[in-house]
Amino acid sequence: FWDIPGMKPGVITGDLCWALFRFAKAKGFAIPAFNCTSTSTVIAVLEAGKQLNRPVIVQFSEGGSAFFSGKSLPNKEKQA
């Protein structure tokens, strides 16, 4: 997957993320998503991806993301 133009270790978004998904589909492999509930689980997922030199997806549930970002942030309209 490092042959994808513009791909490098780190956080990817937008078109580069879609390019990685298309590449994975074409090559027949999955990119694991890990539902994270704390900074400890986020760090563990990122460290595992780095150690294995493989892409990973950090995922949050709706409630988990609200907890992770801080309950003081308003989101009653669910825009975030």
Protein backbone atom coordinates (compact mmCIF):
# COMPACT_ATOMS: atom_id res chain seq x y z
CA PHE A 1 0.00 0.00 0.00
CA TRP A 2 2.97 2.34 0.21
CA ASP A 3 2.91 2.38 -3.62
CA ILE A 4 -0.19 4.60 -3.53
CA PRO A 5 0.83 8.12 -4.65
CA GLY A 6 1.01 10.43 -1.64
CA MET A 7 0.71 7.61 0.90
CA LYS A 8 2.93 7.83 3.95
CA PRO A 9 2.66 6.77 7.59
CA GLY A 10 0.29 8.91 9.65
CA VAL A 11 -3.28 10.08 9.57
CA ILE A 12 -4.91 10.15 6.14
CA THR A 13 -8.20 11.68 5.05
CA GLY A 14 -10.26 12.43 1.97
CA ASP A 15 -9.08 11.26 -1.45
CA LEU A 16 -6.00 9.53 -0.04
CA CYS A 17 -8.17 7.50 2.32
CA TRP A 18 -10.44 6.49 -0.57
CA ALA A 19 -7.35 5.53 -2.60
CA LEU A 20 -6.26 3.22 0.22
CA PHE A 21 -9.73 1.64 0.40
CA ARG A 22 -9.77 1.07 -3.38
CA PHE A 23 -6.26 -0.41 -3.23
CA ALA A 24 -7.26 -2.78 -0.41
CA LYS A 25 -10.34 -3.87 -2.33
CA ALA A 26 -8.37 -4.47 -5.53
CA LYS A 27 -5.72 -6.49 -3.65
CA GLY A 28 -8.28 -8.41 -1.60
CA PHE A 29 -7.35 -7.42 1.93
CA ALA A 30 -9.19 -5.73 4.79
CA ILE A 31 -8.07 -2.81 6.90
CA PRO A 32 -8.96 -3.54 10.52
CA ALA A 33 -11.05 -1.00 12.44
CA PHE A 34 -10.72 -0.91 16.22
CA ASN A 35 -13.44 0.63 18.36
CA CYS A 36 -11.49 2.79 20.80
CA THR A 37 -12.82 3.81 24.19
CA SER A 38 -9.89 5.74 25.66
CA THR A 39 -6.57 7.30 24.82
CA SER A 40 -4.95 4.05 25.93
CA THR A 41 -6.78 2.04 23.27
CA VAL A 42 -6.04 4.67 20.60
CA ILE A 43 -2.34 4.54 21.44
CA ALA A 44 -2.35 0.73 21.44
CA VAL A 45 -3.95 0.63 17.97
CA LEU A 46 -1.54 3.21 16.55
CA GLU A 47 1.48 1.43 18.04
CA ALA A 48 0.33 -1.92 16.63
CA GLY A 49 -0.11 -0.41 13.16
CA LYS A 50 3.35 1.12 13.35
CA GLN A 51 4.97 -2.08 14.62
CA LEU A 52 3.36 -4.14 11.86
CA ASN A 53 3.79 -1.41 9.21
CA ARG A 54 0.12 -1.79 8.28
CA PRO A 55 -2.83 0.58 8.05
CA VAL A 56 -5.40 0.59 10.85
CA ILE A 57 -8.63 2.47 11.42
CA VAL A 58 -9.31 4.14 14.75
CA GLN A 59 -13.07 3.98 15.22
CA PHE A 60 -15.44 5.45 17.81
CA SER A 61 -19.07 4.73 18.60
CA GLU A 62 -21.40 7.74 18.80
CA GLY A 63 -21.43 7.64 22.59
CA GLY A 64 -17.74 6.87 22.76
CA SER A 65 -16.84 9.81 20.57
CA ALA A 66 -18.95 12.15 22.72
CA PHE A 67 -17.19 10.86 25.84
CA PHE A 68 -13.76 11.01 24.21
CA SER A 69 -14.17 14.59 22.96
CA GLY A 70 -15.54 15.84 26.25
CA LYS A 71 -19.05 16.06 27.58
CA SER A 72 -18.84 19.84 27.79
CA LEU A 73 -19.02 20.12 23.99
CA PRO A 74 -22.61 20.61 22.87
CA ASN A 75 -23.87 18.26 20.17
CA LYS A 76 -27.60 17.96 20.71
CA GLU A 77 -28.24 18.42 16.97
CA LYS A 78 -25.64 15.72 16.21
CA GLN A 79 -23.68 17.90 13.76
CA ALA A 80 -20.29 16.64 14.94
